[in-house]
Amino acid sequence: MVKPKHHVWKHFQEVRDGKSVKAVCKFCKMSYITHVDRMVKHLLSSCTMCPVIIKEKFYSNSKISTSTKNITNVICNTSKSNSNEELGEISENDYQMNNILSCDSGEFDSLISNQSTSKAIKYKSQSCITGFIDRINPKEKNELDQLFAKAVYASNLPFHITENPYIQEFFKKIRPIYTLPRRRQLAGYLLDKASGDMEVRVADIIDKAPYLSIVSDGWSNIRNESIINFMVMTPVPVFYKFLNTEENRHTADYIAQEFKNVIHELNPVKVYSLVTDNAANMKAAWRILKSESIYNHIQCYGCAAHTLQLFFHDFERLDASVTIFQ
């Protein structure tokens, strides 16, 4: 009498390859050399497409390892707890079950060893070697260099800060692969790039402002050279430019001409006020500017802060102030 085929064959297709016979899973199309225990184990542990209800049928009579049975028990309990859910919905437990089924049989013991069989088990993917290697491409390096350079410029830090061993050690701790730019780079192309970006940003702010006010004052740079600064209120204050006067004397005619140049660069229609200090040459420059009809709409003011400064300087010279502050 011919021995009947095991009922596991209902879920496998018999395929003949020459003299050998292979069993192909109807769910995931995985092929095996015919071996009943191996086929059952495949349905219980390896096949991710096999319905849970079929896994339950093979669970009680299977001869697979205890760890695999524990996993299948979790799967079956998970299925029962979700029996009232609508078809097509994927619950959190279903998601965990699919992660468990995606493991091969060699991973089950490590997954189950520290877990209770009454709780769902989460599958943790294995880390790859690239996760332990810190890499940086030229584009990212350039972006980091520009951010660091802008921080240096905005804080008025010396360029040789990149040679400070403590700064270098700090960056090695937070990003070992990143190397700080050299001070020649901070003083070279990085400075040009930051300056260009800032000019574009300032031009965009000025272009979008409906009205403008110019604030100007004379200063001396670190080489004791005379310069004139020009700020633009949009109303947000932005630094527009500075003028190195070189050998030119700060006469009313010279200052008035430079005001005209800046006004025309910005757009005379949008400029409505001019603020300077209260020096005599500045007041004379106001009068020259207002003498032309194109600038009649521009109001000229003395700086209130400068006025208060002059007032307190004069107050300190009074004999009465000495008694008050004593």
C-alpha atoms as a PDB file:
ATOM      1  CA  MET A   1       0.000   0.000   0.000  1.00  0.00           C
ATOM      2  CA  VAL A   2       1.406   3.426  -1.006  1.00  0.00           C
ATOM      3  CA  LYS A   3       1.979   5.751   1.916  1.00  0.00           C
ATOM      4  CA  PRO A   4      -0.162   8.908   1.528  1.00  0.00           C
ATOM      5  CA  LYS A   5       1.615  12.227   1.117  1.00  0.00           C
ATOM      6  CA  HIS A   6       1.948  14.468   4.119  1.00  0.00           C
ATOM      7  CA  HIS A   7      -0.689  17.191   4.255  1.00  0.00           C
ATOM      8  CA  VAL A   8       2.072  19.838   4.063  1.00  0.00           C
ATOM      9  CA  TRP A   9       2.152  19.100   0.323  1.00  0.00           C
ATOM     10  CA  LYS A  10      -1.130  21.007  -0.011  1.00  0.00           C
ATOM     11  CA  HIS A  11       0.928  24.170   0.259  1.00  0.00           C
ATOM     12  CA  PHE A  12       3.821  23.085  -1.968  1.00  0.00           C
ATOM     13  CA  GLN A  13       4.027  22.319  -5.653  1.00  0.00           C
ATOM     14  CA  GLU A  14       5.983  19.288  -6.764  1.00  0.00           C
ATOM     15  CA  VAL A  15       8.481  20.124  -9.490  1.00  0.00           C
ATOM     16  CA  ARG A  16      10.684  17.522 -11.172  1.00  0.00           C
ATOM     17  CA  ASP A  17      14.156  18.558 -12.231  1.00  0.00           C
ATOM     18  CA  GLY A  18      15.605  15.581 -14.020  1.00  0.00           C
ATOM     19  CA  LYS A  19      15.804  12.767 -11.508  1.00  0.00           C
ATOM     20  CA  SER A  20      15.375  15.026  -8.457  1.00  0.00           C
ATOM     21  CA  VAL A  21      12.111  16.326  -7.082  1.00  0.00           C
ATOM     22  CA  LYS A  22      11.773  19.779  -5.526  1.00  0.00           C
ATOM     23  CA  ALA A  23       9.000  21.279  -3.423  1.00  0.00           C
ATOM     24  CA  VAL A  24       8.117  24.901  -4.280  1.00  0.00           C
ATOM     25  CA  CYS A  25       6.182  26.915  -1.684  1.00  0.00           C
ATOM     26  CA  LYS A  26       2.910  28.201  -3.128  1.00  0.00           C
ATOM     27  CA  PHE A  27       3.129  31.365  -1.022  1.00  0.00           C
ATOM     28  CA  CYS A  28       6.693  32.629  -1.425  1.00  0.00           C
ATOM     29  CA  LYS A  29       7.950  30.369  -4.280  1.00  0.00           C
ATOM     30  CA  MET A  30      10.908  29.166  -2.194  1.00  0.00           C
ATOM     31  CA  SER A  31      12.115  25.742  -3.388  1.00  0.00           C
ATOM     32  CA  TYR A  32      13.416  22.865  -1.238  1.00  0.00           C
ATOM     33  CA  ILE A  33      14.578  19.338  -1.809  1.00  0.00           C
ATOM     34  CA  THR A  34      11.617  17.276  -0.627  1.00  0.00           C
ATOM     35  CA  HIS A  35      11.839  16.871   3.127  1.00  0.00           C
ATOM     36  CA  VAL A  36       8.634  17.093   5.159  1.00  0.00           C
ATOM     37  CA  ASP A  37      10.134  18.441   8.381  1.00  0.00           C
ATOM     38  CA  ARG A  38      12.036  21.094   6.453  1.00  0.00           C
ATOM     39  CA  MET A  39       8.880  22.066   4.552  1.00  0.00           C
ATOM     40  CA  VAL A  40       6.884  22.404   7.778  1.00  0.00           C
ATOM     41  CA  LYS A  41       9.638  24.453   9.361  1.00  0.00           C
ATOM     42  CA  HIS A  42       9.620  26.696   6.304  1.00  0.00           C
ATOM     43  CA  LEU A  43       5.911  27.443   6.690  1.00  0.00           C
ATOM     44  CA  LEU A  44       6.250  28.081  10.422  1.00  0.00           C
ATOM     45  CA  SER A  45       9.384  30.201  10.456  1.00  0.00           C
ATOM     46  CA  SER A  46      10.751  31.278   7.078  1.00  0.00           C
ATOM     47  CA  CYS A  47       7.710  31.942   4.901  1.00  0.00           C
ATOM     48  CA  THR A  48       6.472  35.503   5.311  1.00  0.00           C
ATOM     49  CA  MET A  49       3.509  35.006   2.967  1.00  0.00           C
ATOM     50  CA  CYS A  50       1.972  31.981   4.675  1.00  0.00           C
ATOM     51  CA  PRO A  51      -1.335  32.838   6.453  1.00  0.00           C
ATOM     52  CA  VAL A  52      -1.270  32.524  10.238  1.00  0.00           C
ATOM     53  CA  ILE A  53      -4.231  30.149  10.239  1.00  0.00           C
ATOM     54  CA  ILE A  54      -2.146  27.616   8.275  1.00  0.00           C
ATOM     55  CA  LYS A  55       0.771  28.058  10.665  1.00  0.00           C
ATOM     56  CA  GLU A  56      -1.582  27.135  13.548  1.00  0.00           C
ATOM     57  CA  LYS A  57      -2.444  23.811  11.911  1.00  0.00           C
ATOM     58  CA  PHE A  58       1.196  22.731  11.743  1.00  0.00           C
ATOM     59  CA  TYR A  59       2.210  24.170  15.088  1.00  0.00           C
ATOM     60  CA  SER A  60       1.001  21.467  17.492  1.00  0.00           C
ATOM     61  CA  ASN A  61       2.398  18.441  15.629  1.00  0.00           C
ATOM     62  CA  SER A  62       5.635  19.933  14.311  1.00  0.00           C
ATOM     63  CA  LYS A  63       9.061  18.629  15.395  1.00  0.00           C
ATOM     64  CA  ILE A  64      10.895  21.912  15.121  1.00  0.00           C
ATOM     65  CA  SER A  65      12.955  23.490  17.899  1.00  0.00           C
ATOM     66  CA  THR A  66      11.433  24.977  21.031  1.00  0.00           C
ATOM     67  CA  SER A  67      12.575  28.470  20.103  1.00  0.00           C
ATOM     68  CA  THR A  68      10.737  28.301  16.779  1.00  0.00           C
ATOM     69  CA  LYS A  69       7.598  27.025  18.547  1.00  0.00           C
ATOM     70  CA  ASN A  70       7.767  29.924  20.961  1.00  0.00           C
ATOM     71  CA  ILE A  71       7.956  32.327  18.064  1.00  0.00           C
ATOM     72  CA  THR A  72       5.019  30.657  16.348  1.00  0.00           C
ATOM     73  CA  ASN A  73       3.043  30.772  19.597  1.00  0.00           C
ATOM     74  CA  VAL A  74       3.556  34.536  19.713  1.00  0.00           C
ATOM     75  CA  ILE A  75       2.438  34.780  16.106  1.00  0.00           C
ATOM     76  CA  CYS A  76      -0.711  32.736  16.721  1.00  0.00           C
ATOM     77  CA  ASN A  77      -1.638  34.760  19.816  1.00  0.00           C
ATOM     78  CA  THR A  78      -1.080  37.941  17.852  1.00  0.00           C
ATOM     79  CA  SER A  79      -3.385  36.685  15.115  1.00  0.00           C
ATOM     80  CA  LYS A  80      -6.167  35.847  17.588  1.00  0.00           C
ATOM     81  CA  SER A  81      -5.971  39.262  19.209  1.00  0.00           C
ATOM     82  CA  ASN A  82      -6.455  40.882  15.811  1.00  0.00           C
ATOM     83  CA  SER A  83      -9.253  38.598  14.566  1.00  0.00           C
ATOM     84  CA  ASN A  84     -11.855  41.365  14.797  1.00  0.00           C
ATOM     85  CA  GLU A  85      -9.938  43.808  12.605  1.00  0.00           C
ATOM     86  CA  GLU A  86     -11.073  44.521   9.074  1.00  0.00           C
ATOM     87  CA  LEU A  87      -9.234  42.980   6.150  1.00  0.00           C
ATOM     88  CA  GLY A  88      -6.613  45.209   4.597  1.00  0.00           C
ATOM     89  CA  GLU A  89      -5.701  46.994   7.876  1.00  0.00           C
ATOM     90  CA  ILE A  90      -2.214  46.536   9.282  1.00  0.00           C
ATOM     91  CA  SER A  91      -1.937  46.793  13.058  1.00  0.00           C
ATOM     92  CA  GLU A  92       1.199  47.303  15.127  1.00  0.00           C
ATOM     93  CA  ASN A  93       1.137  43.624  16.133  1.00  0.00           C
ATOM     94  CA  ASP A  94       0.903  42.575  12.482  1.00  0.00           C
ATOM     95  CA  TYR A  95       3.878  44.754  11.700  1.00  0.00           C
ATOM     96  CA  GLN A  96       5.891  43.116  14.509  1.00  0.00           C
ATOM     97  CA  MET A  97       4.794  39.655  13.323  1.00  0.00           C
ATOM     98  CA  ASN A  98       5.993  40.339   9.777  1.00  0.00           C
ATOM     99  CA  ASN A  99       9.356  41.485  11.127  1.00  0.00           C
ATOM    100  CA  ILE A 100       9.655  38.242  13.099  1.00  0.00           C
ATOM    101  CA  LEU A 101       8.751  36.111  10.102  1.00  0.00           C
ATOM    102  CA  SER A 102      11.317  37.859   7.947  1.00  0.00           C
ATOM    103  CA  CYS A 103      14.143  36.471  10.111  1.00  0.00           C
ATOM    104  CA  ASP A 104      15.814  33.234   9.200  1.00  0.00           C
ATOM    105  CA  SER A 105      15.754  30.283  11.588  1.00  0.00           C
ATOM    106  CA  GLY A 106      19.215  30.990  12.943  1.00  0.00           C
ATOM    107  CA  GLU A 107      18.107  34.312  14.434  1.00  0.00           C
ATOM    108  CA  PHE A 108      15.164  32.987  16.448  1.00  0.00           C
ATOM    109  CA  ASP A 109      17.179  31.817  19.483  1.00  0.00           C
ATOM    110  CA  SER A 110      18.821  35.225  19.892  1.00  0.00           C
ATOM    111  CA  LEU A 111      15.476  36.986  19.532  1.00  0.00           C
ATOM    112  CA  ILE A 112      13.612  34.818  22.032  1.00  0.00           C
ATOM    113  CA  SER A 113      16.307  34.339  24.683  1.00  0.00           C
ATOM    114  CA  ASN A 114      15.646  37.567  26.623  1.00  0.00           C
ATOM    115  CA  GLN A 115      11.950  37.948  25.841  1.00  0.00           C
ATOM    116  CA  SER A 116       8.848  36.509  27.430  1.00  0.00           C
ATOM    117  CA  THR A 117       6.721  34.379  25.109  1.00  0.00           C
ATOM    118  CA  SER A 118       3.636  36.248  26.319  1.00  0.00           C
ATOM    119  CA  LYS A 119       4.910  39.521  24.804  1.00  0.00           C
ATOM    120  CA  ALA A 120       5.326  40.536  21.191  1.00  0.00           C
ATOM    121  CA  ILE A 121       8.956  40.493  20.007  1.00  0.00           C
ATOM    122  CA  LYS A 122      10.431  43.325  17.993  1.00  0.00           C
ATOM    123  CA  TYR A 123      12.939  42.565  15.284  1.00  0.00           C
ATOM    124  CA  LYS A 124      16.043  44.725  15.299  1.00  0.00           C
ATOM    125  CA  SER A 125      17.866  45.003  12.017  1.00  0.00           C
ATOM    126  CA  GLN A 126      21.570  44.279  11.983  1.00  0.00           C
ATOM    127  CA  SER A 127      23.873  47.284  11.678  1.00  0.00           C
ATOM    128  CA  CYS A 128      26.114  47.447   8.656  1.00  0.00           C
ATOM    129  CA  ILE A 129      29.766  48.510   8.567  1.00  0.00           C
ATOM    130  CA  THR A 130      28.960  51.836   6.874  1.00  0.00           C
ATOM    131  CA  GLY A 131      27.195  52.931  10.058  1.00  0.00           C
ATOM    132  CA  PHE A 132      30.546  52.935  11.869  1.00  0.00           C
ATOM    133  CA  ILE A 133      32.436  54.948   9.240  1.00  0.00           C
ATOM    134  CA  ASP A 134      32.246  58.736   9.318  1.00  0.00           C
ATOM    135  CA  ARG A 135      32.479  60.137   5.809  1.00  0.00           C
ATOM    136  CA  ILE A 136      32.320  63.663   4.424  1.00  0.00           C
ATOM    137  CA  ASN A 137      31.968  64.676   0.794  1.00  0.00           C
ATOM    138  CA  PRO A 138      33.414  67.884  -0.728  1.00  0.00           C
ATOM    139  CA  LYS A 139      30.019  69.614  -0.766  1.00  0.00           C
ATOM    140  CA  GLU A 140      29.420  69.003   2.947  1.00  0.00           C
ATOM    141  CA  LYS A 141      32.994  70.044   3.780  1.00  0.00           C
ATOM    142  CA  ASN A 142      32.506  73.311   1.901  1.00  0.00           C
ATOM    143  CA  GLU A 143      29.200  74.016   3.698  1.00  0.00           C
ATOM    144  CA  LEU A 144      30.797  73.402   7.111  1.00  0.00           C
ATOM    145  CA  ASP A 145      33.773  75.630   6.233  1.00  0.00           C
ATOM    146  CA  GLN A 146      31.445  78.468   5.245  1.00  0.00           C
ATOM    147  CA  LEU A 147      29.368  78.156   8.433  1.00  0.00           C
ATOM    148  CA  PHE A 148      32.501  78.172  10.585  1.00  0.00           C
ATOM    149  CA  ALA A 149      33.910  81.157   8.655  1.00  0.00           C
ATOM    150  CA  LYS A 150      30.699  83.172   9.130  1.00  0.00           C
ATOM    151  CA  ALA A 151      30.824  82.451  12.869  1.00  0.00           C
ATOM    152  CA  VAL A 152      34.416  83.744  12.970  1.00  0.00           C
ATOM    153  CA  TYR A 153      33.578  86.907  11.004  1.00  0.00           C
ATOM    154  CA  ALA A 154      30.409  87.681  12.982  1.00  0.00           C
ATOM    155  CA  SER A 155      32.239  87.232  16.310  1.00  0.00           C
ATOM    156  CA  ASN A 156      35.266  89.297  15.206  1.00  0.00           C
ATOM    157  CA  LEU A 157      37.568  86.395  16.076  1.00  0.00           C
ATOM    158  CA  PRO A 158      41.175  86.235  14.822  1.00  0.00           C
ATOM    159  CA  PHE A 159      41.747  83.956  11.850  1.00  0.00           C
ATOM    160  CA  HIS A 160      44.463  82.008  13.660  1.00  0.00           C
ATOM    161  CA  ILE A 161      41.774  80.561  15.929  1.00  0.00           C
ATOM    162  CA  THR A 162      41.857  77.483  13.676  1.00  0.00           C
ATOM    163  CA  GLU A 163      45.403  76.825  14.930  1.00  0.00           C
ATOM    164  CA  ASN A 164      44.314  76.801  18.568  1.00  0.00           C
ATOM    165  CA  PRO A 165      44.886  73.228  19.871  1.00  0.00           C
ATOM    166  CA  TYR A 166      41.803  73.343  22.113  1.00  0.00           C
ATOM    167  CA  ILE A 167      39.572  74.369  19.213  1.00  0.00           C
ATOM    168  CA  GLN A 168      41.065  71.590  17.092  1.00  0.00           C
ATOM    169  CA  GLU A 169      40.562  69.041  19.883  1.00  0.00           C
ATOM    170  CA  PHE A 170      36.949  70.152  20.310  1.00  0.00           C
ATOM    171  CA  PHE A 171      36.135  69.615  16.635  1.00  0.00           C
ATOM    172  CA  LYS A 172      37.912  66.244  16.628  1.00  0.00           C
ATOM    173  CA  LYS A 173      35.625  65.144  19.433  1.00  0.00           C
ATOM    174  CA  ILE A 174      32.377  66.179  17.763  1.00  0.00           C
ATOM    175  CA  ARG A 175      33.349  65.304  14.153  1.00  0.00           C
ATOM    176  CA  PRO A 176      36.706  63.519  13.756  1.00  0.00           C
ATOM    177  CA  ILE A 177      36.553  63.435   9.953  1.00  0.00           C
ATOM    178  CA  TYR A 178      36.153  67.223   9.663  1.00  0.00           C
ATOM    179  CA  THR A 179      39.271  69.372   9.468  1.00  0.00           C
ATOM    180  CA  LEU A 180      39.095  73.102  10.158  1.00  0.00           C
ATOM    181  CA  PRO A 181      39.953  75.516   7.340  1.00  0.00           C
ATOM    182  CA  ARG A 182      43.356  77.156   7.530  1.00  0.00           C
ATOM    183  CA  ARG A 183      43.631  80.839   8.368  1.00  0.00           C
ATOM    184  CA  ARG A 184      44.713  81.615   4.803  1.00  0.00           C
ATOM    185  CA  GLN A 185      41.431  80.136   3.623  1.00  0.00           C
ATOM    186  CA  LEU A 186      39.518  82.229   6.180  1.00  0.00           C
ATOM    187  CA  ALA A 187      41.254  85.330   4.865  1.00  0.00           C
ATOM    188  CA  GLY A 188      40.879  84.257   1.222  1.00  0.00           C
ATOM    189  CA  TYR A 189      38.079  82.587  -0.705  1.00  0.00           C
ATOM    190  CA  LEU A 190      35.876  81.970   2.356  1.00  0.00           C
ATOM    191  CA  LEU A 191      35.890  85.683   3.173  1.00  0.00           C
ATOM    192  CA  ASP A 192      35.091  86.540  -0.449  1.00  0.00           C
ATOM    193  CA  LYS A 193      32.222  84.038  -0.468  1.00  0.00           C
ATOM    194  CA  ALA A 194      30.752  85.322   2.824  1.00  0.00           C
ATOM    195  CA  SER A 195      31.071  88.926   1.635  1.00  0.00           C
ATOM    196  CA  GLY A 196      29.370  88.113  -1.656  1.00  0.00           C
ATOM    197  CA  ASP A 197      26.511  86.283   0.078  1.00  0.00           C
ATOM    198  CA  MET A 198      26.010  89.202   2.467  1.00  0.00           C
ATOM    199  CA  GLU A 199      25.953  91.733  -0.373  1.00  0.00           C
ATOM    200  CA  VAL A 200      23.262  89.721  -2.142  1.00  0.00           C
ATOM    201  CA  ARG A 201      21.242  89.461   1.078  1.00  0.00           C
ATOM    202  CA  VAL A 202      21.513  93.209   1.808  1.00  0.00           C
ATOM    203  CA  ALA A 203      20.548  94.085  -1.773  1.00  0.00           C
ATOM    204  CA  ASP A 204      17.485  91.854  -1.499  1.00  0.00           C
ATOM    205  CA  ILE A 205      16.401  93.480   1.800  1.00  0.00           C
ATOM    206  CA  ILE A 206      16.836  96.977   0.368  1.00  0.00           C
ATOM    207  CA  ASP A 207      15.002  96.080  -2.829  1.00  0.00           C
ATOM    208  CA  LYS A 208      11.970  94.782  -0.896  1.00  0.00           C
ATOM    209  CA  ALA A 209      11.774  97.805   1.454  1.00  0.00           C
ATOM    210  CA  PRO A 210       9.190 100.451   0.403  1.00  0.00           C
ATOM    211  CA  TYR A 211      11.031 103.330   2.127  1.00  0.00           C
ATOM    212  CA  LEU A 212      14.649 103.884   3.146  1.00  0.00           C
ATOM    213  CA  SER A 213      16.589 106.031   5.576  1.00  0.00           C
ATOM    214  CA  ILE A 214      20.345 106.629   5.418  1.00  0.00           C
ATOM    215  CA  VAL A 215      22.445 106.876   8.597  1.00  0.00           C
ATOM    216  CA  SER A 216      26.034 108.044   8.187  1.00  0.00           C
ATOM    217  CA  ASP A 217      28.955 108.875  10.461  1.00  0.00           C
ATOM    218  CA  GLY A 218      32.712 109.291  10.217  1.00  0.00           C
ATOM    219  CA  TRP A 219      35.128 106.841  11.858  1.00  0.00           C
ATOM    220  CA  SER A 220      38.759 105.806  11.885  1.00  0.00           C
ATOM    221  CA  ASN A 221      39.804 102.216  11.114  1.00  0.00           C
ATOM    222  CA  ILE A 222      42.503 100.202  12.900  1.00  0.00           C
ATOM    223  CA  ARG A 223      45.154 101.892  10.726  1.00  0.00           C
ATOM    224  CA  ASN A 224      43.802 105.299  11.812  1.00  0.00           C
ATOM    225  CA  GLU A 225      42.535 105.987   8.297  1.00  0.00           C
ATOM    226  CA  SER A 226      39.490 108.197   7.945  1.00  0.00           C
ATOM    227  CA  ILE A 227      36.353 106.434   6.684  1.00  0.00           C
ATOM    228  CA  ILE A 228      32.638 107.213   6.377  1.00  0.00           C
ATOM    229  CA  ASN A 229      30.084 104.491   7.122  1.00  0.00           C
ATOM    230  CA  PHE A 230      26.667 104.249   5.496  1.00  0.00           C
ATOM    231  CA  MET A 231      23.856 102.326   7.183  1.00  0.00           C
ATOM    232  CA  VAL A 232      20.421 101.843   5.623  1.00  0.00           C
ATOM    233  CA  MET A 233      17.249 101.558   7.720  1.00  0.00           C
ATOM    234  CA  THR A 234      14.594  99.387   6.034  1.00  0.00           C
ATOM    235  CA  PRO A 235      13.460  99.844   8.952  1.00  0.00           C
ATOM    236  CA  VAL A 236      15.735  96.923   9.930  1.00  0.00           C
ATOM    237  CA  PRO A 237      19.260  98.382   9.999  1.00  0.00           C
ATOM    238  CA  VAL A 238      21.711  96.907   7.496  1.00  0.00           C
ATOM    239  CA  PHE A 239      25.284  97.912   6.800  1.00  0.00           C
ATOM    240  CA  TYR A 240      25.436  99.227   3.229  1.00  0.00           C
ATOM    241  CA  LYS A 241      29.050 100.239   2.665  1.00  0.00           C
ATOM    242  CA  PHE A 242      31.983 102.302   3.916  1.00  0.00           C
ATOM    243  CA  LEU A 243      33.960 104.953   2.092  1.00  0.00           C
ATOM    244  CA  ASN A 244      37.702 105.373   2.494  1.00  0.00           C
ATOM    245  CA  THR A 245      38.153 109.126   2.113  1.00  0.00           C
ATOM    246  CA  GLU A 246      41.924 108.761   1.675  1.00  0.00           C
ATOM    247  CA  GLU A 247      43.395 112.246   1.099  1.00  0.00           C
ATOM    248  CA  ASN A 248      40.029 113.980   0.653  1.00  0.00           C
ATOM    249  CA  ARG A 249      39.111 116.530   3.287  1.00  0.00           C
ATOM    250  CA  HIS A 250      35.698 116.204   4.907  1.00  0.00           C
ATOM    251  CA  THR A 251      34.330 119.394   3.430  1.00  0.00           C
ATOM    252  CA  ALA A 252      30.610 120.036   2.992  1.00  0.00           C
ATOM    253  CA  ASP A 253      30.857 119.779  -0.811  1.00  0.00           C
ATOM    254  CA  TYR A 254      32.703 116.442  -0.666  1.00  0.00           C
ATOM    255  CA  ILE A 255      30.287 114.928   1.886  1.00  0.00           C
ATOM    256  CA  ALA A 256      27.210 116.197  -0.001  1.00  0.00           C
ATOM    257  CA  GLN A 257      28.476 114.608  -3.229  1.00  0.00           C
ATOM    258  CA  GLU A 258      29.010 111.255  -1.521  1.00  0.00           C
ATOM    259  CA  PHE A 259      25.484 111.429  -0.058  1.00  0.00           C
ATOM    260  CA  LYS A 260      24.134 112.005  -3.569  1.00  0.00           C
ATOM    261  CA  ASN A 261      26.046 108.977  -4.882  1.00  0.00           C
ATOM    262  CA  VAL A 262      24.600 106.693  -2.206  1.00  0.00           C
ATOM    263  CA  ILE A 263      21.079 108.078  -2.673  1.00  0.00           C
ATOM    264  CA  HIS A 264      21.192 107.353  -6.406  1.00  0.00           C
ATOM    265  CA  GLU A 265      22.576 103.873  -5.798  1.00  0.00           C
ATOM    266  CA  LEU A 266      19.634 103.106  -3.513  1.00  0.00           C
ATOM    267  CA  ASN A 267      16.934 104.937  -5.563  1.00  0.00           C
ATOM    268  CA  PRO A 268      16.137 108.619  -4.802  1.00  0.00           C
ATOM    269  CA  VAL A 269      12.397 107.951  -4.800  1.00  0.00           C
ATOM    270  CA  LYS A 270      12.663 105.466  -1.896  1.00  0.00           C
ATOM    271  CA  VAL A 271      15.020 107.533   0.310  1.00  0.00           C
ATOM    272  CA  TYR A 272      13.050 109.775   2.676  1.00  0.00           C
ATOM    273  CA  SER A 273      15.505 110.738   5.424  1.00  0.00           C
ATOM    274  CA  LEU A 274      19.166 111.290   6.164  1.00  0.00           C
ATOM    275  CA  VAL A 275      20.651 111.073   9.679  1.00  0.00           C
ATOM    276  CA  THR A 276      24.164 112.312  10.522  1.00  0.00           C
ATOM    277  CA  ASP A 277      25.934 113.876  13.469  1.00  0.00           C
ATOM    278  CA  ASN A 278      25.545 117.551  14.295  1.00  0.00           C
ATOM    279  CA  ALA A 279      28.943 118.737  13.015  1.00  0.00           C
ATOM    280  CA  ALA A 280      29.051 121.984  11.047  1.00  0.00           C
ATOM    281  CA  ASN A 281      30.260 120.318   7.830  1.00  0.00           C
ATOM    282  CA  MET A 282      27.340 117.855   8.010  1.00  0.00           C
ATOM    283  CA  LYS A 283      24.773 120.625   8.428  1.00  0.00           C
ATOM    284  CA  ALA A 284      26.325 122.457   5.500  1.00  0.00           C
ATOM    285  CA  ALA A 285      26.074 119.254   3.418  1.00  0.00           C
ATOM    286  CA  TRP A 286      22.329 119.096   4.288  1.00  0.00           C
ATOM    287  CA  ARG A 287      21.816 122.575   2.862  1.00  0.00           C
ATOM    288  CA  ILE A 288      23.676 121.702  -0.352  1.00  0.00           C
ATOM    289  CA  LEU A 289      21.555 118.554  -0.718  1.00  0.00           C
ATOM    290  CA  LYS A 290      18.266 120.336  -0.081  1.00  0.00           C
ATOM    291  CA  SER A 291      19.127 123.068  -2.598  1.00  0.00           C
ATOM    292  CA  GLU A 292      18.383 120.646  -5.449  1.00  0.00           C
ATOM    293  CA  SER A 293      14.724 119.899  -6.177  1.00  0.00           C
ATOM    294  CA  ILE A 294      15.267 116.171  -6.654  1.00  0.00           C
ATOM    295  CA  TYR A 295      16.173 115.880  -2.943  1.00  0.00           C
ATOM    296  CA  ASN A 296      13.491 118.197  -1.502  1.00  0.00           C
ATOM    297  CA  HIS A 297      11.457 115.262  -0.117  1.00  0.00           C
ATOM    298  CA  ILE A 298      14.432 114.028   1.961  1.00  0.00           C
ATOM    299  CA  GLN A 299      14.393 115.139   5.617  1.00  0.00           C
ATOM    300  CA  CYS A 300      17.789 115.657   7.311  1.00  0.00           C
ATOM    301  CA  TYR A 301      18.192 115.021  11.036  1.00  0.00           C
ATOM    302  CA  GLY A 302      20.922 115.199  13.631  1.00  0.00           C
ATOM    303  CA  CYS A 303      21.539 111.998  15.562  1.00  0.00           C
ATOM    304  CA  ALA A 304      19.658 112.115  18.897  1.00  0.00           C
ATOM    305  CA  ALA A 305      22.192 109.825  20.570  1.00  0.00           C
ATOM    306  CA  HIS A 306      25.019 112.081  19.443  1.00  0.00           C
ATOM    307  CA  THR A 307      23.129 115.127  20.717  1.00  0.00           C
ATOM    308  CA  LEU A 308      22.748 113.537  24.160  1.00  0.00           C
ATOM    309  CA  GLN A 309      26.430 112.628  24.178  1.00  0.00           C
ATOM    310  CA  LEU A 310      27.433 116.246  23.454  1.00  0.00           C
ATOM    311  CA  PHE A 311      24.984 117.487  26.075  1.00  0.00           C
ATOM    312  CA  PHE A 312      26.464 115.340  28.835  1.00  0.00           C
ATOM    313  CA  HIS A 313      29.991 116.259  27.799  1.00  0.00           C
ATOM    314  CA  ASP A 314      29.081 119.936  28.210  1.00  0.00           C
ATOM    315  CA  PHE A 315      27.316 119.184  31.480  1.00  0.00           C
ATOM    316  CA  GLU A 316      30.420 117.512  32.909  1.00  0.00           C
ATOM    317  CA  ARG A 317      32.408 120.704  32.317  1.00  0.00           C
ATOM    318  CA  LEU A 318      30.134 122.761  34.568  1.00  0.00           C
ATOM    319  CA  ASP A 319      31.320 123.449  38.092  1.00  0.00           C
ATOM    320  CA  ALA A 320      27.889 122.478  39.426  1.00  0.00           C
ATOM    321  CA  SER A 321      28.233 118.941  38.036  1.00  0.00           C
ATOM    322  CA  VAL A 322      31.301 118.303  40.194  1.00  0.00           C
ATOM    323  CA  THR A 323      29.259 119.001  43.342  1.00  0.00           C
ATOM    324  CA  ILE A 324      26.357 116.830  42.152  1.00  0.00           C
ATOM    325  CA  PHE A 325      28.439 113.761  41.349  1.00  0.00           C
ATOM    326  CA  GLN A 326      30.424 114.046  44.546  1.00  0.00           C
END
